[in-house]
Amino acid sequence: MKLEDISDYLPSRPKPTEEELLLDSIHENSEWLPFLQRMSDSGLITPDLQIAFHTKWIESGHFIRAKIKDDEAVAHLLSKLMPKYDGEGLTVFRGENEHRFNSGQIGFCWTADREVAEMYACGLNACRGQGVLLKAYAPSDAIFSGPNAHSRYLGENEVTVDPMKLNDLQIISIYPKPH
């Protein structure tokens, strides 16, 4: 059997949009901050670019944050490139790594679904230490964007917030390091 024969059985993937290709290039070249400086007040940040960035953030937010290495700059990027949230404040949850929590580097990706946050607290974010389940209140001005279709498809219902603007942050559970 040849690779060409297999392709008949695979679902077809839509061709990437210009916005997706642009964001992929920016990410691969670690050009987030120069891009933001050029685009910030240009009027060229379109709704289509914001929608594409929202999905890119859900897929690669951890890596974008690691490349930028400055949470204030990440918050500025999110404030410009995410589709704007238009709703009430929310109680949100996050499964976080104890080391990031203790160093004050709480993540931007939260959910209103406690079970989803527990999954991260017990698994992915419990690496190299314990996981912690966090709960906070996100006033509407702390929320960059609510869940998009991709996040709902993944079952995460991700709410992207500015962790520096959260209220009543508390640890509600601690999970041991998985083996």
Protein backbone atom coordinates (compact mmCIF):
# COMPACT_ATOMS: atom_id res chain seq x y z
CA MET A 1 0.00 0.00 0.00
CA LYS A 2 1.26 3.47 -0.89
CA LEU A 3 0.83 6.73 0.98
CA GLU A 4 -1.39 7.99 -1.86
CA ASP A 5 -3.77 5.08 -1.21
CA ILE A 6 -4.09 6.01 2.45
CA SER A 7 -4.90 9.63 1.69
CA ASP A 8 -8.23 8.53 0.23
CA TYR A 9 -9.29 7.43 3.72
CA LEU A 10 -8.15 10.50 5.60
CA PRO A 11 -10.49 13.41 6.14
CA SER A 12 -9.58 16.40 4.03
CA ARG A 13 -8.18 19.34 5.92
CA PRO A 14 -9.15 22.83 4.91
CA LYS A 15 -6.43 24.92 3.36
CA PRO A 16 -4.93 27.32 5.95
CA THR A 17 -6.15 30.90 5.72
CA GLU A 18 -3.78 33.80 5.13
CA GLU A 19 -4.22 34.75 8.78
CA GLU A 20 -3.29 31.24 9.96
CA LEU A 21 -0.21 31.20 7.72
CA LEU A 22 0.84 34.62 9.03
CA LEU A 23 0.44 33.54 12.67
CA ASP A 24 2.33 30.28 12.03
CA SER A 25 5.21 32.26 10.54
CA ILE A 26 5.26 34.73 13.44
CA HIS A 27 5.30 31.86 15.92
CA GLU A 28 7.99 29.85 14.14
CA ASN A 29 10.24 32.93 13.99
CA SER A 30 9.47 34.10 17.56
CA GLU A 31 8.28 37.45 16.20
CA TRP A 32 5.30 38.03 18.51
CA LEU A 33 6.52 41.27 20.07
CA PRO A 34 7.78 42.89 16.85
CA PHE A 35 4.52 41.89 15.17
CA LEU A 36 2.49 43.43 17.99
CA GLN A 37 4.54 46.65 17.86
CA ARG A 38 3.95 46.99 14.12
CA MET A 39 0.28 46.05 14.23
CA SER A 40 -0.97 47.53 17.50
CA ASP A 41 -2.27 50.84 16.21
CA SER A 42 -2.26 50.07 12.50
CA GLY A 43 -5.93 49.19 12.20
CA LEU A 44 -4.85 45.96 10.50
CA ILE A 45 -5.93 43.66 13.32
CA THR A 46 -9.08 42.36 11.71
CA PRO A 47 -11.79 40.16 13.19
CA ASP A 48 -10.52 37.29 10.98
CA LEU A 49 -7.01 37.71 12.41
CA GLN A 50 -8.42 37.73 15.96
CA ILE A 51 -10.40 34.55 15.30
CA ALA A 52 -7.32 32.83 13.85
CA PHE A 53 -5.19 34.01 16.77
CA HIS A 54 -7.75 32.70 19.28
CA THR A 55 -7.38 29.20 17.86
CA LYS A 56 -3.58 29.58 17.67
CA TRP A 57 -3.59 30.59 21.35
CA ILE A 58 -5.64 27.53 22.34
CA GLU A 59 -3.24 25.27 20.46
CA SER A 60 0.04 27.00 21.33
CA GLY A 61 -0.53 29.48 24.18
CA HIS A 62 1.98 27.80 26.48
CA PHE A 63 4.64 28.00 23.76
CA ILE A 64 3.78 31.61 22.87
CA ARG A 65 4.13 32.56 26.53
CA ALA A 66 7.47 30.71 26.75
CA LYS A 67 8.80 32.52 23.67
CA ILE A 68 7.76 35.97 24.92
CA LYS A 69 9.01 35.41 28.50
CA ASP A 70 7.12 38.44 29.84
CA ASP A 71 3.58 38.06 31.19
CA GLU A 72 2.80 41.77 30.87
CA ALA A 73 3.72 41.59 27.19
CA VAL A 74 1.60 38.43 26.82
CA ALA A 75 -1.35 40.24 28.42
CA HIS A 76 -0.87 43.14 26.00
CA LEU A 77 -0.73 40.73 23.05
CA LEU A 78 -3.92 39.02 24.22
CA SER A 79 -5.69 42.34 24.72
CA LYS A 80 -5.02 43.27 21.09
CA LEU A 81 -5.31 39.94 19.27
CA MET A 82 -8.14 38.08 21.04
CA PRO A 83 -11.77 38.56 20.04
CA LYS A 84 -13.23 40.78 22.74
CA TYR A 85 -15.27 39.22 25.53
CA ASP A 86 -18.71 40.73 25.98
CA GLY A 87 -20.34 39.21 29.02
CA GLU A 88 -20.56 39.07 32.78
CA GLY A 89 -17.78 38.13 35.17
CA LEU A 90 -17.28 34.42 35.79
CA THR A 91 -16.09 32.01 38.44
CA VAL A 92 -13.19 30.20 36.76
CA PHE A 93 -10.96 27.24 37.56
CA ARG A 94 -7.46 26.23 36.56
CA GLY A 95 -5.31 23.18 37.09
CA GLU A 96 -1.88 24.65 37.77
CA ASN A 97 1.59 23.40 38.57
CA GLU A 98 2.65 24.15 42.16
CA HIS A 99 5.99 25.62 41.05
CA ARG A 100 4.37 28.12 38.68
CA PHE A 101 1.77 28.96 41.31
CA ASN A 102 4.39 29.52 44.01
CA SER A 103 6.44 31.71 41.68
CA GLY A 104 3.40 33.81 40.77
CA GLN A 105 3.35 32.64 37.14
CA ILE A 106 -0.28 31.59 37.00
CA GLY A 107 -1.48 30.78 33.51
CA PHE A 108 -3.87 32.73 31.30
CA CYS A 109 -6.05 29.75 30.29
CA TRP A 110 -8.92 28.98 32.66
CA THR A 111 -12.33 27.33 32.40
CA ALA A 112 -15.72 27.65 34.05
CA ASP A 113 -15.78 23.83 34.16
CA ARG A 114 -14.22 22.55 37.39
CA GLU A 115 -13.84 18.99 36.06
CA VAL A 116 -11.72 20.19 33.14
CA ALA A 117 -9.47 22.13 35.52
CA GLU A 118 -9.16 19.05 37.76
CA MET A 119 -8.03 17.02 34.76
CA TYR A 120 -5.13 19.46 34.26
CA ALA A 121 -4.36 19.67 37.98
CA CYS A 122 -4.09 15.86 38.16
CA GLY A 123 -2.25 15.40 34.89
CA LEU A 124 -0.45 17.74 32.56
CA ASN A 125 0.08 20.53 35.08
CA ALA A 126 1.11 18.18 37.88
CA CYS A 127 4.42 17.42 36.17
CA ARG A 128 7.61 18.05 38.14
CA GLY A 129 5.61 18.57 41.32
CA GLN A 130 2.12 18.63 42.67
CA GLY A 131 -0.87 19.98 40.82
CA VAL A 132 -3.15 22.57 42.37
CA LEU A 133 -6.76 23.28 41.54
CA LEU A 134 -7.39 27.01 41.60
CA LYS A 135 -10.64 28.91 41.76
CA ALA A 136 -11.06 32.64 41.21
CA TYR A 137 -13.55 35.24 40.17
CA ALA A 138 -12.80 36.90 36.83
CA PRO A 139 -14.57 40.24 36.50
CA SER A 140 -15.55 40.94 32.90
CA ASP A 141 -12.60 43.33 32.42
CA ALA A 142 -10.21 40.48 33.35
CA ILE A 143 -11.53 38.23 30.56
CA PHE A 144 -9.85 38.60 27.19
CA SER A 145 -12.03 36.04 25.45
CA GLY A 146 -14.50 33.26 26.15
CA PRO A 147 -14.52 29.77 24.65
CA ASN A 148 -14.41 29.51 20.87
CA ALA A 149 -15.60 26.63 18.69
CA HIS A 150 -12.22 24.85 18.81
CA SER A 151 -12.06 25.02 22.60
CA ARG A 152 -15.62 23.72 22.90
CA TYR A 153 -14.78 20.91 20.45
CA LEU A 154 -11.84 19.94 22.70
CA GLY A 155 -14.18 19.99 25.71
CA GLU A 156 -12.03 22.56 27.50
CA ASN A 157 -14.31 25.60 27.28
CA GLU A 158 -11.24 27.78 27.72
CA VAL A 159 -11.68 31.28 29.10
CA THR A 160 -8.58 33.40 28.51
CA VAL A 161 -8.05 35.80 31.39
CA ASP A 162 -5.52 38.25 32.73
CA PRO A 163 -4.42 36.39 35.88
CA MET A 164 -3.24 39.68 37.41
CA LYS A 165 -6.85 40.93 37.46
CA LEU A 166 -8.47 37.91 39.12
CA ASN A 167 -10.25 38.27 42.46
CA ASP A 168 -10.56 35.83 45.36
CA LEU A 169 -7.90 33.46 44.05
CA GLN A 170 -7.78 30.30 46.15
CA ILE A 171 -6.38 26.79 46.09
CA ILE A 172 -9.28 24.38 46.47
CA SER A 173 -7.41 21.08 46.01
CA ILE A 174 -3.86 19.75 45.81
CA TYR A 175 -2.98 16.67 43.77
CA PRO A 176 0.16 14.57 44.23
CA LYS A 177 2.75 14.30 41.49
CA PRO A 178 1.71 11.47 39.13
CA HIS A 179 4.10 8.57 38.73
